[in-house]
Amino acid sequence: QVQLVESGGGLVQAGGSLRLSCAASGRTSGIVRIGWFRRAPGKERERVAASTWTGELAAYAEPVKGRFAISTDNAKNMVYLQMNSLKPEDTAVYFCAARKSIVGDYTYWGQGTQVTVSS
């Protein structure tokens, strides 16, 4: 099993920045893909960023391109999401997720961290 724990959420003004962290533990060997998702009130969960466990092949949702950046530190089993130029519409619970398959659903999920962007 893989355990994921997010941190770093909070309240920030529009235009500000936050860096979310995701600590992975357990059987992390074999993780192929890591992703950040978010769920805003009244909306479906969406993937905002993803990469390989080594931080390559990063992909971003259109609304966050150029503002968010995913990175990994394999030595520390950490995944980060740097969020810049935050907007009120970025307000959501952000989740870290991982999978051990090249394709398919994400199997392991964190509990989420709240990000609130005030206007």
N, C-alpha and C. Protein backbone atom coordinates (compact mmCIF):
# COMPACT_ATOMS: atom_id res chain seq x y z
N GLN A 1 0.83 -1.19 0.00
CA GLN A 1 0.00 0.00 0.00
C GLN A 1 0.87 1.25 0.00
N VAL A 2 0.31 2.31 -0.51
CA VAL A 2 0.98 3.61 -0.54
C VAL A 2 0.11 4.59 0.23
N GLN A 3 0.72 5.33 1.12
CA GLN A 3 0.00 6.38 1.84
C GLN A 3 0.48 7.73 1.32
N LEU A 4 -0.48 8.62 1.11
CA LEU A 4 -0.19 9.97 0.62
C LEU A 4 -0.79 10.98 1.59
N VAL A 5 0.01 11.96 1.97
CA VAL A 5 -0.46 12.98 2.89
C VAL A 5 -0.12 14.34 2.32
N GLU A 6 -1.14 15.15 2.05
CA GLU A 6 -0.95 16.49 1.51
C GLU A 6 -0.81 17.51 2.64
N SER A 7 -0.15 18.59 2.34
CA SER A 7 -0.05 19.72 3.25
C SER A 7 0.24 20.97 2.44
N GLY A 8 0.11 22.11 3.10
CA GLY A 8 0.47 23.37 2.45
C GLY A 8 -0.70 24.21 1.99
N GLY A 9 -1.91 23.70 2.15
CA GLY A 9 -3.05 24.50 1.76
C GLY A 9 -3.27 25.66 2.72
N GLY A 10 -4.19 26.53 2.35
CA GLY A 10 -4.49 27.66 3.20
C GLY A 10 -5.27 28.72 2.47
N LEU A 11 -5.32 29.89 3.10
CA LEU A 11 -6.02 31.04 2.54
C LEU A 11 -5.00 32.01 1.95
N VAL A 12 -5.23 32.42 0.73
CA VAL A 12 -4.30 33.33 0.06
C VAL A 12 -5.11 34.33 -0.78
N GLN A 13 -4.58 35.51 -0.94
CA GLN A 13 -5.25 36.49 -1.78
C GLN A 13 -5.00 36.20 -3.25
N ALA A 14 -5.92 36.64 -4.08
CA ALA A 14 -5.75 36.49 -5.52
C ALA A 14 -4.42 37.10 -5.95
N GLY A 15 -3.73 36.39 -6.82
CA GLY A 15 -2.42 36.82 -7.27
C GLY A 15 -1.28 36.24 -6.46
N GLY A 16 -1.60 35.64 -5.34
CA GLY A 16 -0.58 35.06 -4.48
C GLY A 16 -0.16 33.67 -4.91
N SER A 17 0.69 33.07 -4.09
CA SER A 17 1.25 31.75 -4.39
C SER A 17 1.13 30.83 -3.19
N LEU A 18 1.08 29.56 -3.49
CA LEU A 18 1.13 28.51 -2.47
C LEU A 18 1.90 27.34 -3.05
N ARG A 19 2.56 26.59 -2.17
CA ARG A 19 3.17 25.34 -2.61
C ARG A 19 2.59 24.22 -1.79
N LEU A 20 1.94 23.30 -2.48
CA LEU A 20 1.40 22.12 -1.83
C LEU A 20 2.46 21.02 -1.83
N SER A 21 2.46 20.26 -0.76
CA SER A 21 3.38 19.13 -0.64
C SER A 21 2.58 17.85 -0.46
N CYS A 22 3.14 16.76 -0.95
CA CYS A 22 2.53 15.45 -0.80
C CYS A 22 3.62 14.48 -0.38
N ALA A 23 3.49 13.93 0.80
CA ALA A 23 4.46 12.97 1.32
C ALA A 23 3.96 11.56 1.05
N ALA A 24 4.77 10.79 0.35
CA ALA A 24 4.42 9.41 0.04
C ALA A 24 5.18 8.46 0.96
N SER A 25 4.50 7.45 1.42
CA SER A 25 5.14 6.44 2.27
C SER A 25 4.55 5.08 1.97
N GLY A 26 5.17 4.07 2.56
CA GLY A 26 4.72 2.70 2.29
C GLY A 26 5.47 2.11 1.11
N ARG A 27 4.78 1.32 0.33
CA ARG A 27 5.40 0.65 -0.82
C ARG A 27 5.43 1.59 -2.03
N THR A 28 6.31 2.57 -1.97
CA THR A 28 6.36 3.57 -3.04
C THR A 28 7.09 3.07 -4.28
N SER A 29 7.83 2.00 -4.15
CA SER A 29 8.51 1.46 -5.34
C SER A 29 7.45 1.00 -6.33
N GLY A 30 7.67 1.31 -7.55
CA GLY A 30 6.71 0.91 -8.57
C GLY A 30 5.71 2.00 -8.94
N ILE A 31 5.71 3.11 -8.18
CA ILE A 31 4.85 4.23 -8.58
C ILE A 31 5.33 4.73 -9.93
N VAL A 32 4.40 4.83 -10.86
CA VAL A 32 4.74 5.25 -12.20
C VAL A 32 4.30 6.68 -12.47
N ARG A 33 3.11 7.00 -11.98
CA ARG A 33 2.52 8.29 -12.31
C ARG A 33 1.99 8.94 -11.03
N ILE A 34 2.18 10.24 -10.92
CA ILE A 34 1.70 10.99 -9.77
C ILE A 34 0.88 12.15 -10.30
N GLY A 35 -0.17 12.52 -9.59
CA GLY A 35 -1.01 13.60 -10.07
C GLY A 35 -1.58 14.44 -8.94
N TRP A 36 -1.94 15.65 -9.29
CA TRP A 36 -2.67 16.55 -8.39
C TRP A 36 -4.05 16.77 -8.99
N PHE A 37 -5.05 16.61 -8.15
CA PHE A 37 -6.44 16.81 -8.55
C PHE A 37 -7.05 17.86 -7.64
N ARG A 38 -8.19 18.39 -8.04
CA ARG A 38 -8.91 19.30 -7.17
C ARG A 38 -10.41 19.12 -7.35
N ARG A 39 -11.13 19.44 -6.28
CA ARG A 39 -12.59 19.40 -6.34
C ARG A 39 -13.10 20.70 -5.72
N ALA A 40 -13.73 21.50 -6.54
CA ALA A 40 -14.32 22.75 -6.09
C ALA A 40 -15.77 22.49 -5.69
N PRO A 41 -16.33 23.32 -4.82
CA PRO A 41 -17.73 23.14 -4.40
C PRO A 41 -18.67 23.10 -5.59
N GLY A 42 -19.50 22.06 -5.65
CA GLY A 42 -20.47 21.95 -6.71
C GLY A 42 -19.92 21.50 -8.05
N LYS A 43 -18.64 21.17 -8.09
CA LYS A 43 -18.02 20.75 -9.35
C LYS A 43 -17.43 19.36 -9.22
N GLU A 44 -17.20 18.73 -10.37
CA GLU A 44 -16.56 17.42 -10.35
C GLU A 44 -15.07 17.56 -10.13
N ARG A 45 -14.48 16.48 -9.67
CA ARG A 45 -13.05 16.47 -9.48
C ARG A 45 -12.35 16.57 -10.83
N GLU A 46 -11.29 17.35 -10.89
CA GLU A 46 -10.53 17.48 -12.12
C GLU A 46 -9.04 17.32 -11.84
N ARG A 47 -8.36 16.78 -12.83
CA ARG A 47 -6.91 16.67 -12.70
C ARG A 47 -6.29 17.98 -13.13
N VAL A 48 -5.41 18.52 -12.31
CA VAL A 48 -4.77 19.79 -12.66
C VAL A 48 -3.34 19.61 -13.13
N ALA A 49 -2.66 18.57 -12.65
CA ALA A 49 -1.28 18.35 -13.06
C ALA A 49 -0.91 16.89 -12.84
N ALA A 50 0.00 16.39 -13.64
CA ALA A 50 0.46 15.02 -13.48
C ALA A 50 1.85 14.90 -14.08
N SER A 51 2.59 13.93 -13.60
CA SER A 51 3.91 13.66 -14.17
C SER A 51 4.29 12.23 -13.83
N THR A 52 5.43 11.80 -14.35
CA THR A 52 5.97 10.54 -13.90
C THR A 52 6.49 10.72 -12.48
N TRP A 53 6.78 9.62 -11.82
CA TRP A 53 7.29 9.67 -10.45
C TRP A 53 8.63 10.42 -10.40
N THR A 54 9.33 10.45 -11.52
CA THR A 54 10.60 11.17 -11.57
C THR A 54 10.44 12.60 -12.07
N GLY A 55 9.20 13.05 -12.23
CA GLY A 55 8.97 14.44 -12.58
C GLY A 55 8.99 14.74 -14.06
N GLU A 56 9.03 13.73 -14.87
CA GLU A 56 9.06 13.93 -16.32
C GLU A 56 7.66 13.86 -16.91
N LEU A 57 7.57 14.23 -18.15
CA LEU A 57 6.31 14.17 -18.91
C LEU A 57 5.17 14.86 -18.16
N ALA A 58 5.44 16.06 -17.68
CA ALA A 58 4.42 16.81 -16.94
C ALA A 58 3.30 17.25 -17.87
N ALA A 59 2.09 17.20 -17.37
CA ALA A 59 0.91 17.63 -18.12
C ALA A 59 0.03 18.46 -17.20
N TYR A 60 -0.60 19.47 -17.77
CA TYR A 60 -1.39 20.40 -16.98
C TYR A 60 -2.76 20.63 -17.61
N ALA A 61 -3.74 20.86 -16.76
CA ALA A 61 -5.05 21.26 -17.25
C ALA A 61 -4.95 22.67 -17.81
N GLU A 62 -5.75 22.95 -18.79
CA GLU A 62 -5.67 24.25 -19.45
C GLU A 62 -5.80 25.43 -18.50
N PRO A 63 -6.72 25.39 -17.53
CA PRO A 63 -6.87 26.56 -16.65
C PRO A 63 -5.65 26.90 -15.80
N VAL A 64 -4.72 25.95 -15.64
CA VAL A 64 -3.58 26.20 -14.75
C VAL A 64 -2.26 26.26 -15.50
N LYS A 65 -2.29 26.06 -16.79
CA LYS A 65 -1.04 26.09 -17.57
C LYS A 65 -0.35 27.44 -17.42
N GLY A 66 0.94 27.38 -17.18
CA GLY A 66 1.73 28.59 -17.02
C GLY A 66 1.69 29.15 -15.62
N ARG A 67 0.81 28.61 -14.76
CA ARG A 67 0.72 29.11 -13.38
C ARG A 67 1.11 28.05 -12.35
N PHE A 68 0.82 26.80 -12.64
CA PHE A 68 1.12 25.70 -11.71
C PHE A 68 2.29 24.89 -12.24
N ALA A 69 3.05 24.30 -11.33
CA ALA A 69 4.16 23.43 -11.72
C ALA A 69 4.26 22.26 -10.75
N ILE A 70 4.30 21.06 -11.31
CA ILE A 70 4.45 19.85 -10.50
C ILE A 70 5.92 19.45 -10.48
N SER A 71 6.39 18.99 -9.33
CA SER A 71 7.76 18.52 -9.23
C SER A 71 7.82 17.40 -8.20
N THR A 72 8.90 16.63 -8.27
CA THR A 72 9.06 15.52 -7.34
C THR A 72 10.47 15.51 -6.76
N ASP A 73 10.59 14.95 -5.58
CA ASP A 73 11.89 14.72 -4.95
C ASP A 73 11.87 13.26 -4.51
N ASN A 74 12.39 12.41 -5.38
CA ASN A 74 12.30 10.99 -5.11
C ASN A 74 13.10 10.57 -3.88
N ALA A 75 14.17 11.27 -3.60
CA ALA A 75 14.98 10.93 -2.43
C ALA A 75 14.18 11.10 -1.14
N LYS A 76 13.26 12.05 -1.18
CA LYS A 76 12.44 12.31 0.01
C LYS A 76 11.02 11.75 -0.12
N ASN A 77 10.74 11.12 -1.26
CA ASN A 77 9.39 10.63 -1.53
C ASN A 77 8.36 11.75 -1.42
N MET A 78 8.68 12.87 -2.02
CA MET A 78 7.81 14.05 -1.96
C MET A 78 7.39 14.47 -3.36
N VAL A 79 6.18 15.00 -3.43
CA VAL A 79 5.65 15.58 -4.66
C VAL A 79 5.14 16.97 -4.30
N TYR A 80 5.38 17.92 -5.19
CA TYR A 80 5.00 19.30 -4.91
C TYR A 80 4.12 19.86 -6.03
N LEU A 81 3.32 20.82 -5.66
CA LEU A 81 2.57 21.59 -6.66
C LEU A 81 2.76 23.06 -6.33
N GLN A 82 3.56 23.73 -7.13
CA GLN A 82 3.76 25.16 -6.97
C GLN A 82 2.65 25.87 -7.71
N MET A 83 1.91 26.70 -7.00
CA MET A 83 0.78 27.41 -7.60
C MET A 83 1.02 28.91 -7.51
N ASN A 84 1.12 29.55 -8.65
CA ASN A 84 1.36 30.98 -8.72
C ASN A 84 0.18 31.69 -9.36
N SER A 85 0.13 32.99 -9.18
CA SER A 85 -0.94 33.81 -9.78
C SER A 85 -2.31 33.20 -9.51
N LEU A 86 -2.54 32.87 -8.26
CA LEU A 86 -3.78 32.19 -7.91
C LEU A 86 -5.00 33.07 -8.14
N LYS A 87 -6.07 32.41 -8.51
CA LYS A 87 -7.33 33.07 -8.80
C LYS A 87 -8.42 32.51 -7.88
N PRO A 88 -9.48 33.27 -7.63
CA PRO A 88 -10.57 32.75 -6.80
C PRO A 88 -11.12 31.41 -7.32
N GLU A 89 -11.10 31.22 -8.63
CA GLU A 89 -11.62 29.98 -9.18
C GLU A 89 -10.70 28.78 -8.94
N ASP A 90 -9.53 29.02 -8.37
CA ASP A 90 -8.65 27.92 -7.98
C ASP A 90 -9.04 27.36 -6.61
N THR A 91 -9.98 28.00 -5.94
CA THR A 91 -10.44 27.53 -4.64
C THR A 91 -11.00 26.13 -4.76
N ALA A 92 -10.47 25.21 -3.96
CA ALA A 92 -10.87 23.80 -4.04
C ALA A 92 -10.12 23.02 -2.98
N VAL A 93 -10.55 21.78 -2.81
CA VAL A 93 -9.74 20.82 -2.06
C VAL A 93 -8.82 20.15 -3.06
N TYR A 94 -7.54 20.14 -2.76
CA TYR A 94 -6.53 19.57 -3.65
C TYR A 94 -6.06 18.22 -3.11
N PHE A 95 -6.00 17.26 -4.02
CA PHE A 95 -5.63 15.89 -3.67
C PHE A 95 -4.39 15.46 -4.45
N CYS A 96 -3.56 14.71 -3.80
CA CYS A 96 -2.44 14.04 -4.43
C CYS A 96 -2.85 12.60 -4.70
N ALA A 97 -2.44 12.06 -5.84
CA ALA A 97 -2.79 10.69 -6.19
C ALA A 97 -1.64 10.02 -6.91
N ALA A 98 -1.61 8.71 -6.85
CA ALA A 98 -0.53 7.95 -7.48
C ALA A 98 -1.07 6.64 -8.06
N ARG A 99 -0.35 6.16 -9.04
CA ARG A 99 -0.70 4.83 -9.56
C ARG A 99 0.57 4.11 -9.98
N LYS A 100 0.46 2.80 -10.03
CA LYS A 100 1.61 1.96 -10.39
C LYS A 100 1.46 1.38 -11.79
N SER A 101 0.45 1.87 -12.50
CA SER A 101 0.26 1.42 -13.88
C SER A 101 0.50 2.59 -14.82
N ILE A 102 0.95 2.28 -16.02
CA ILE A 102 1.21 3.33 -17.00
C ILE A 102 -0.08 4.02 -17.40
N VAL A 103 -1.14 3.26 -17.53
CA VAL A 103 -2.44 3.82 -17.85
C VAL A 103 -3.46 3.32 -16.83
N GLY A 104 -4.61 3.94 -16.80
CA GLY A 104 -5.64 3.50 -15.89
C GLY A 104 -5.90 4.50 -14.78
N ASP A 105 -6.71 4.07 -13.82
CA ASP A 105 -7.10 4.95 -12.73
C ASP A 105 -5.98 5.11 -11.71
N TYR A 106 -6.03 6.24 -11.02
CA TYR A 106 -5.13 6.44 -9.89
C TYR A 106 -5.65 5.61 -8.72
N THR A 107 -4.74 4.88 -8.11
CA THR A 107 -5.13 3.90 -7.09
C THR A 107 -5.02 4.45 -5.68
N TYR A 108 -4.06 5.29 -5.47
CA TYR A 108 -3.77 5.79 -4.12
C TYR A 108 -4.07 7.28 -4.06
N TRP A 109 -4.75 7.66 -2.96
CA TRP A 109 -5.20 9.03 -2.81
C TRP A 109 -4.89 9.55 -1.42
N GLY A 110 -4.57 10.84 -1.34
CA GLY A 110 -4.44 11.49 -0.06
C GLY A 110 -5.79 11.99 0.42
N GLN A 111 -5.79 12.62 1.58
CA GLN A 111 -7.05 13.07 2.19
C GLN A 111 -7.45 14.47 1.70
N GLY A 112 -6.52 15.15 1.07
CA GLY A 112 -6.82 16.47 0.52
C GLY A 112 -6.41 17.61 1.43
N THR A 113 -6.18 18.75 0.82
CA THR A 113 -5.86 19.97 1.56
C THR A 113 -6.63 21.12 0.93
N GLN A 114 -7.21 21.97 1.76
CA GLN A 114 -8.07 23.05 1.28
C GLN A 114 -7.23 24.24 0.83
N VAL A 115 -7.53 24.74 -0.34
CA VAL A 115 -6.94 25.98 -0.84
C VAL A 115 -8.08 26.96 -1.08
N THR A 116 -7.99 28.12 -0.46
CA THR A 116 -9.01 29.15 -0.63
C THR A 116 -8.33 30.43 -1.10
N VAL A 117 -8.80 30.94 -2.24
CA VAL A 117 -8.23 32.15 -2.81
C VAL A 117 -9.28 33.25 -2.72
N SER A 118 -8.96 34.29 -1.99
CA SER A 118 -9.91 35.40 -1.82
C SER A 118 -9.67 36.47 -2.88
N SER A 119 -10.74 37.13 -3.25
CA SER A 119 -10.64 38.17 -4.30
C SER A 119 -10.35 39.53 -3.70
